[in-house]
N, C-alpha and C. Protein backbone atom coordinates (compact mmCIF):
# COMPACT_ATOMS: atom_id res chain seq x y z
N MET A 1 -61.59 11.39 17.87
CA MET A 1 -62.36 12.51 17.38
C MET A 1 -63.68 11.98 16.83
N LEU A 2 -64.77 12.63 17.17
CA LEU A 2 -66.11 12.20 16.77
C LEU A 2 -66.25 12.23 15.25
N HIS A 3 -66.50 11.06 14.65
CA HIS A 3 -66.67 10.91 13.19
C HIS A 3 -65.46 11.43 12.41
N GLY A 4 -64.28 11.24 12.96
CA GLY A 4 -63.05 11.73 12.35
C GLY A 4 -62.77 11.17 10.97
N ASP A 5 -63.15 9.91 10.74
CA ASP A 5 -62.91 9.32 9.42
C ASP A 5 -63.73 10.03 8.35
N ILE A 6 -64.98 10.34 8.67
CA ILE A 6 -65.86 11.01 7.71
C ILE A 6 -65.43 12.46 7.53
N THR A 7 -65.18 13.17 8.63
CA THR A 7 -64.79 14.57 8.50
C THR A 7 -63.44 14.70 7.80
N GLY A 8 -62.56 13.73 7.99
CA GLY A 8 -61.28 13.75 7.29
C GLY A 8 -61.45 13.71 5.78
N GLU A 9 -62.36 12.86 5.30
CA GLU A 9 -62.64 12.78 3.86
C GLU A 9 -63.28 14.07 3.36
N ILE A 10 -64.19 14.64 4.15
CA ILE A 10 -64.84 15.89 3.75
C ILE A 10 -63.81 17.00 3.64
N ILE A 11 -62.92 17.08 4.61
CA ILE A 11 -61.89 18.13 4.60
C ILE A 11 -60.96 17.95 3.40
N ALA A 12 -60.58 16.72 3.10
CA ALA A 12 -59.74 16.47 1.92
C ALA A 12 -60.47 16.89 0.64
N ALA A 13 -61.77 16.59 0.57
CA ALA A 13 -62.56 17.00 -0.60
C ALA A 13 -62.65 18.52 -0.69
N PHE A 14 -62.82 19.18 0.46
CA PHE A 14 -62.88 20.64 0.50
C PHE A 14 -61.62 21.25 -0.11
N TYR A 15 -60.46 20.78 0.32
CA TYR A 15 -59.21 21.33 -0.21
C TYR A 15 -59.01 20.98 -1.68
N ALA A 16 -59.47 19.81 -2.11
CA ALA A 16 -59.38 19.45 -3.53
C ALA A 16 -60.20 20.42 -4.38
N VAL A 17 -61.42 20.72 -3.94
CA VAL A 17 -62.27 21.66 -4.67
C VAL A 17 -61.67 23.06 -4.63
N TYR A 18 -61.22 23.48 -3.45
CA TYR A 18 -60.63 24.82 -3.33
C TYR A 18 -59.41 24.96 -4.24
N ASN A 19 -58.55 23.96 -4.25
CA ASN A 19 -57.34 24.03 -5.07
C ASN A 19 -57.66 24.07 -6.56
N GLU A 20 -58.76 23.45 -6.96
CA GLU A 20 -59.11 23.43 -8.38
C GLU A 20 -59.90 24.67 -8.80
N LEU A 21 -60.84 25.12 -7.97
CA LEU A 21 -61.70 26.24 -8.36
C LEU A 21 -61.24 27.59 -7.81
N GLY A 22 -60.46 27.59 -6.73
CA GLY A 22 -60.09 28.85 -6.11
C GLY A 22 -61.30 29.48 -5.44
N TYR A 23 -61.28 30.80 -5.33
CA TYR A 23 -62.43 31.46 -4.71
C TYR A 23 -63.00 32.50 -5.66
N GLY A 24 -64.20 32.97 -5.34
CA GLY A 24 -64.84 33.99 -6.15
C GLY A 24 -66.18 33.56 -6.72
N PHE A 25 -66.51 32.28 -6.62
CA PHE A 25 -67.80 31.80 -7.11
C PHE A 25 -68.84 31.88 -5.99
N ALA A 26 -70.11 31.73 -6.37
CA ALA A 26 -71.20 31.68 -5.39
C ALA A 26 -71.10 30.37 -4.60
N ALA A 27 -71.62 30.39 -3.39
CA ALA A 27 -71.58 29.21 -2.52
C ALA A 27 -72.22 28.00 -3.20
N SER A 28 -73.28 28.22 -3.97
CA SER A 28 -73.98 27.10 -4.63
C SER A 28 -73.07 26.35 -5.59
N VAL A 29 -72.12 27.04 -6.22
CA VAL A 29 -71.16 26.39 -7.11
C VAL A 29 -70.28 25.44 -6.31
N TYR A 30 -69.82 25.89 -5.16
CA TYR A 30 -68.96 25.06 -4.32
C TYR A 30 -69.73 23.88 -3.73
N VAL A 31 -70.98 24.07 -3.40
CA VAL A 31 -71.80 22.97 -2.88
C VAL A 31 -71.88 21.86 -3.92
N ARG A 32 -72.17 22.23 -5.16
CA ARG A 32 -72.27 21.23 -6.23
C ARG A 32 -70.92 20.54 -6.47
N ALA A 33 -69.84 21.33 -6.49
CA ALA A 33 -68.51 20.75 -6.71
C ALA A 33 -68.13 19.80 -5.58
N LEU A 34 -68.43 20.19 -4.35
CA LEU A 34 -68.15 19.31 -3.20
C LEU A 34 -68.95 18.02 -3.28
N ALA A 35 -70.21 18.12 -3.69
CA ALA A 35 -71.04 16.92 -3.82
C ALA A 35 -70.43 15.97 -4.85
N ILE A 36 -69.95 16.51 -5.96
CA ILE A 36 -69.31 15.68 -6.98
C ILE A 36 -68.04 15.03 -6.43
N GLU A 37 -67.21 15.84 -5.78
CA GLU A 37 -65.95 15.32 -5.23
C GLU A 37 -66.21 14.23 -4.19
N LEU A 38 -67.17 14.45 -3.32
CA LEU A 38 -67.48 13.45 -2.29
C LEU A 38 -68.06 12.18 -2.91
N PHE A 39 -68.91 12.34 -3.91
CA PHE A 39 -69.46 11.18 -4.61
C PHE A 39 -68.34 10.37 -5.25
N GLN A 40 -67.39 11.06 -5.88
CA GLN A 40 -66.27 10.37 -6.51
C GLN A 40 -65.36 9.69 -5.49
N ARG A 41 -65.41 10.15 -4.26
CA ARG A 41 -64.67 9.50 -3.18
C ARG A 41 -65.50 8.39 -2.52
N ARG A 42 -66.63 8.09 -3.14
CA ARG A 42 -67.53 7.03 -2.67
C ARG A 42 -68.13 7.32 -1.30
N MET A 43 -68.37 8.58 -1.04
CA MET A 43 -69.04 8.98 0.20
C MET A 43 -70.52 9.19 -0.11
N GLY A 44 -71.39 8.75 0.77
CA GLY A 44 -72.80 9.04 0.61
C GLY A 44 -73.03 10.52 0.87
N VAL A 45 -73.62 11.22 -0.08
CA VAL A 45 -73.81 12.66 0.07
C VAL A 45 -75.19 13.06 -0.43
N ALA A 46 -75.85 13.94 0.32
CA ALA A 46 -77.15 14.47 -0.07
C ALA A 46 -77.07 15.99 -0.03
N ARG A 47 -77.68 16.64 -1.04
CA ARG A 47 -77.68 18.10 -1.13
C ARG A 47 -79.04 18.66 -0.75
N GLU A 48 -79.02 19.90 -0.23
CA GLU A 48 -80.26 20.63 0.09
C GLU A 48 -81.21 19.77 0.93
N VAL A 49 -80.67 19.23 2.01
CA VAL A 49 -81.43 18.31 2.86
C VAL A 49 -82.36 19.10 3.78
N PRO A 50 -83.68 18.83 3.72
CA PRO A 50 -84.60 19.55 4.59
C PRO A 50 -84.38 19.17 6.06
N VAL A 51 -84.36 20.18 6.90
CA VAL A 51 -84.23 19.99 8.35
C VAL A 51 -85.38 20.75 8.99
N THR A 52 -86.24 20.03 9.69
CA THR A 52 -87.46 20.62 10.23
C THR A 52 -87.33 20.87 11.72
N VAL A 53 -87.83 22.02 12.16
CA VAL A 53 -87.86 22.38 13.57
C VAL A 53 -89.29 22.19 14.07
N TYR A 54 -89.43 21.47 15.18
CA TYR A 54 -90.75 21.21 15.76
C TYR A 54 -90.88 21.88 17.12
N PHE A 55 -92.09 22.30 17.42
CA PHE A 55 -92.43 22.79 18.74
C PHE A 55 -93.70 22.06 19.15
N ARG A 56 -93.59 21.24 20.19
CA ARG A 56 -94.72 20.45 20.67
C ARG A 56 -95.38 19.66 19.55
N GLY A 57 -94.54 19.09 18.70
CA GLY A 57 -95.04 18.24 17.63
C GLY A 57 -95.53 18.97 16.40
N VAL A 58 -95.44 20.29 16.40
CA VAL A 58 -95.90 21.08 15.26
C VAL A 58 -94.70 21.71 14.56
N THR A 59 -94.69 21.64 13.24
CA THR A 59 -93.60 22.24 12.47
C THR A 59 -93.64 23.76 12.62
N VAL A 60 -92.52 24.34 13.04
CA VAL A 60 -92.44 25.80 13.18
C VAL A 60 -91.37 26.41 12.28
N GLY A 61 -90.62 25.56 11.61
CA GLY A 61 -89.60 26.08 10.70
C GLY A 61 -88.93 24.96 9.94
N THR A 62 -88.39 25.32 8.80
CA THR A 62 -87.66 24.36 7.98
C THR A 62 -86.42 25.03 7.43
N TYR A 63 -85.30 24.34 7.52
CA TYR A 63 -84.04 24.79 6.94
C TYR A 63 -83.67 23.82 5.83
N ARG A 64 -82.68 24.18 5.05
CA ARG A 64 -82.11 23.27 4.06
C ARG A 64 -80.60 23.25 4.27
N ALA A 65 -80.11 22.11 4.74
CA ALA A 65 -78.67 21.95 4.94
C ALA A 65 -78.00 21.81 3.58
N ASP A 66 -76.87 22.48 3.39
CA ASP A 66 -76.17 22.41 2.11
C ASP A 66 -75.86 20.97 1.74
N LEU A 67 -75.21 20.24 2.64
CA LEU A 67 -74.86 18.84 2.41
C LEU A 67 -74.98 18.06 3.71
N VAL A 68 -75.34 16.80 3.58
CA VAL A 68 -75.23 15.85 4.69
C VAL A 68 -74.45 14.67 4.13
N VAL A 69 -73.36 14.32 4.80
CA VAL A 69 -72.46 13.27 4.32
C VAL A 69 -72.57 12.05 5.23
N ALA A 70 -72.72 10.90 4.59
CA ALA A 70 -72.82 9.61 5.29
C ALA A 70 -73.95 9.63 6.33
N ASP A 71 -74.96 10.43 6.08
CA ASP A 71 -76.09 10.59 6.99
C ASP A 71 -75.64 10.89 8.42
N THR A 72 -74.47 11.54 8.53
CA THR A 72 -73.86 11.75 9.84
C THR A 72 -73.38 13.17 10.07
N VAL A 73 -72.72 13.76 9.08
CA VAL A 73 -72.08 15.07 9.22
C VAL A 73 -72.81 16.10 8.37
N VAL A 74 -73.21 17.20 8.99
CA VAL A 74 -73.85 18.30 8.28
C VAL A 74 -72.76 19.27 7.82
N VAL A 75 -72.82 19.64 6.54
CA VAL A 75 -71.81 20.54 5.98
C VAL A 75 -72.50 21.83 5.53
N GLY A 76 -72.00 22.95 6.05
CA GLY A 76 -72.43 24.27 5.59
C GLY A 76 -71.32 24.86 4.75
N VAL A 77 -71.69 25.49 3.65
CA VAL A 77 -70.70 26.06 2.73
C VAL A 77 -70.92 27.56 2.65
N GLY A 78 -69.82 28.30 2.79
CA GLY A 78 -69.87 29.75 2.66
C GLY A 78 -68.88 30.20 1.60
N ALA A 79 -69.11 31.39 1.08
CA ALA A 79 -68.20 31.97 0.10
C ALA A 79 -68.19 33.48 0.32
N GLY A 80 -67.07 34.10 0.05
CA GLY A 80 -66.93 35.53 0.25
C GLY A 80 -65.62 35.83 0.92
N GLU A 81 -65.47 37.05 1.38
CA GLU A 81 -64.19 37.48 1.95
C GLU A 81 -63.81 36.72 3.22
N SER A 82 -64.77 36.52 4.12
CA SER A 82 -64.45 35.83 5.37
C SER A 82 -65.71 35.16 5.92
N PRO A 83 -65.53 34.11 6.73
CA PRO A 83 -66.68 33.45 7.35
C PRO A 83 -67.42 34.42 8.26
N THR A 84 -68.72 34.21 8.38
CA THR A 84 -69.52 35.09 9.22
C THR A 84 -70.10 34.32 10.40
N ASP A 85 -70.45 35.06 11.45
CA ASP A 85 -71.14 34.44 12.58
C ASP A 85 -72.47 33.85 12.13
N ALA A 86 -73.13 34.50 11.17
CA ALA A 86 -74.42 34.00 10.69
C ALA A 86 -74.28 32.61 10.09
N GLU A 87 -73.18 32.35 9.38
CA GLU A 87 -72.95 31.01 8.80
C GLU A 87 -72.78 29.98 9.91
N ARG A 88 -72.05 30.33 10.94
CA ARG A 88 -71.83 29.41 12.07
C ARG A 88 -73.14 29.14 12.80
N TYR A 89 -73.93 30.18 13.05
CA TYR A 89 -75.21 29.99 13.73
C TYR A 89 -76.16 29.16 12.89
N GLN A 90 -76.12 29.36 11.57
CA GLN A 90 -76.97 28.58 10.68
C GLN A 90 -76.61 27.09 10.78
N LEU A 91 -75.31 26.79 10.76
CA LEU A 91 -74.88 25.40 10.89
C LEU A 91 -75.30 24.84 12.25
N LEU A 92 -75.17 25.61 13.29
CA LEU A 92 -75.60 25.17 14.62
C LEU A 92 -77.10 24.87 14.62
N ASN A 93 -77.90 25.70 13.96
CA ASN A 93 -79.33 25.44 13.86
C ASN A 93 -79.60 24.12 13.13
N TYR A 94 -78.86 23.86 12.05
CA TYR A 94 -79.02 22.59 11.33
C TYR A 94 -78.75 21.42 12.28
N LEU A 95 -77.68 21.52 13.06
CA LEU A 95 -77.34 20.44 13.98
C LEU A 95 -78.42 20.26 15.05
N ARG A 96 -78.84 21.34 15.64
CA ARG A 96 -79.84 21.26 16.70
C ARG A 96 -81.15 20.66 16.19
N ALA A 97 -81.57 21.10 15.00
CA ALA A 97 -82.85 20.63 14.46
C ALA A 97 -82.77 19.19 13.94
N SER A 98 -81.61 18.80 13.42
CA SER A 98 -81.48 17.46 12.83
C SER A 98 -81.15 16.39 13.86
N GLY A 99 -80.60 16.80 15.00
CA GLY A 99 -80.16 15.83 15.99
C GLY A 99 -78.79 15.25 15.69
N LYS A 100 -78.16 15.72 14.63
CA LYS A 100 -76.80 15.26 14.31
C LYS A 100 -75.82 16.04 15.18
N GLU A 101 -74.67 15.42 15.46
CA GLU A 101 -73.75 16.02 16.42
C GLU A 101 -72.59 16.78 15.80
N VAL A 102 -72.22 16.46 14.57
CA VAL A 102 -71.01 17.05 13.98
C VAL A 102 -71.36 17.81 12.72
N GLY A 103 -70.81 19.02 12.63
CA GLY A 103 -70.95 19.81 11.42
C GLY A 103 -69.63 20.42 11.04
N LEU A 104 -69.48 20.68 9.75
CA LEU A 104 -68.31 21.39 9.26
C LEU A 104 -68.78 22.62 8.51
N LEU A 105 -68.19 23.75 8.83
CA LEU A 105 -68.42 24.97 8.07
C LEU A 105 -67.20 25.17 7.18
N LEU A 106 -67.41 25.05 5.88
CA LEU A 106 -66.33 25.17 4.90
C LEU A 106 -66.50 26.50 4.18
N HIS A 107 -65.48 27.33 4.24
CA HIS A 107 -65.59 28.67 3.66
C HIS A 107 -64.57 28.85 2.54
N PHE A 108 -65.10 29.17 1.36
CA PHE A 108 -64.28 29.43 0.18
C PHE A 108 -64.08 30.94 0.06
N GLY A 109 -62.98 31.42 0.57
CA GLY A 109 -62.64 32.84 0.50
C GLY A 109 -61.23 32.99 -0.02
N PRO A 110 -60.60 34.14 0.20
CA PRO A 110 -59.19 34.29 -0.21
C PRO A 110 -58.31 33.21 0.41
N ARG A 111 -58.70 32.75 1.61
CA ARG A 111 -58.08 31.59 2.26
C ARG A 111 -59.16 30.54 2.47
N ALA A 112 -58.80 29.30 2.27
CA ALA A 112 -59.73 28.22 2.60
C ALA A 112 -59.77 28.10 4.12
N THR A 113 -60.95 28.22 4.71
CA THR A 113 -61.05 28.10 6.16
C THR A 113 -62.15 27.10 6.51
N LEU A 114 -61.98 26.45 7.63
CA LEU A 114 -63.01 25.53 8.08
C LEU A 114 -63.13 25.58 9.58
N ARG A 115 -64.32 25.23 10.03
CA ARG A 115 -64.60 25.11 11.46
C ARG A 115 -65.39 23.84 11.67
N ARG A 116 -64.99 23.09 12.68
CA ARG A 116 -65.75 21.91 13.08
C ARG A 116 -66.66 22.36 14.22
N VAL A 117 -67.94 22.08 14.10
CA VAL A 117 -68.91 22.44 15.13
C VAL A 117 -69.50 21.15 15.67
N ILE A 118 -69.43 20.99 16.97
CA ILE A 118 -69.99 19.81 17.62
C ILE A 118 -71.11 20.28 18.54
N HIS A 119 -72.26 19.64 18.42
CA HIS A 119 -73.38 20.00 19.28
C HIS A 119 -74.01 18.72 19.82
N THR A 120 -73.95 18.57 21.12
CA THR A 120 -74.63 17.45 21.77
C THR A 120 -75.50 18.02 22.88
N ARG A 121 -76.52 17.29 23.22
CA ARG A 121 -77.38 17.75 24.32
C ARG A 121 -76.58 17.85 25.61
N LYS A 122 -75.60 16.98 25.78
CA LYS A 122 -74.82 16.95 27.00
C LYS A 122 -73.83 18.11 27.08
N LEU A 123 -73.14 18.40 25.97
CA LEU A 123 -72.07 19.40 25.99
C LEU A 123 -72.48 20.77 25.46
N GLY A 124 -73.57 20.85 24.72
CA GLY A 124 -73.91 22.10 24.07
C GLY A 124 -73.08 22.27 22.82
N GLU A 125 -72.63 23.48 22.54
CA GLU A 125 -71.89 23.77 21.32
C GLU A 125 -70.40 23.86 21.60
N LEU A 126 -69.62 23.29 20.71
CA LEU A 126 -68.17 23.39 20.77
C LEU A 126 -67.68 23.68 19.37
N VAL A 127 -66.93 24.76 19.21
CA VAL A 127 -66.34 25.09 17.92
C VAL A 127 -64.85 24.85 18.02
N VAL A 128 -64.34 24.03 17.11
CA VAL A 128 -62.92 23.71 17.10
C VAL A 128 -62.25 24.55 16.03
N PRO A 129 -61.21 25.32 16.38
CA PRO A 129 -60.52 26.15 15.39
C PRO A 129 -59.95 25.32 14.24
N ALA A 130 -59.73 25.98 13.11
CA ALA A 130 -59.30 25.31 11.89
C ALA A 130 -58.00 24.55 12.06
N ASP A 131 -57.06 25.09 12.81
CA ASP A 131 -55.76 24.44 12.90
C ASP A 131 -55.79 23.14 13.68
N THR A 132 -56.88 22.85 14.38
CA THR A 132 -56.99 21.58 15.08
C THR A 132 -58.08 20.71 14.47
N ALA A 133 -58.74 21.21 13.44
CA ALA A 133 -59.83 20.45 12.81
C ALA A 133 -59.23 19.37 11.97
């Protein structure tokens, strides 16, 4: 599995935060808690990472990825009743613009849910359901 060691740690951190905080907070609370948990697991983690989109060498847009772990995996965090397509598309945009191949969408709702998103120039987008992530 592509970057399975890193995503495994991120997923373990996700469940640790979910089990301690539950759901009902704003996504920004979970982003900060995840950053702390990942840091304590000795993972390199950066918050609010700028991701720039270029067209013919000119900046045409900028996003901010919630987290980037080990300079390899982009993490998007959602909160609310259920994950949305907009959250998945946002994570896909982060991957496309950053050139990174693996992303995790972690959703803090009534149920903890996650999606692994893989984007490569060769394969395009692949979303792996939670039960196989």
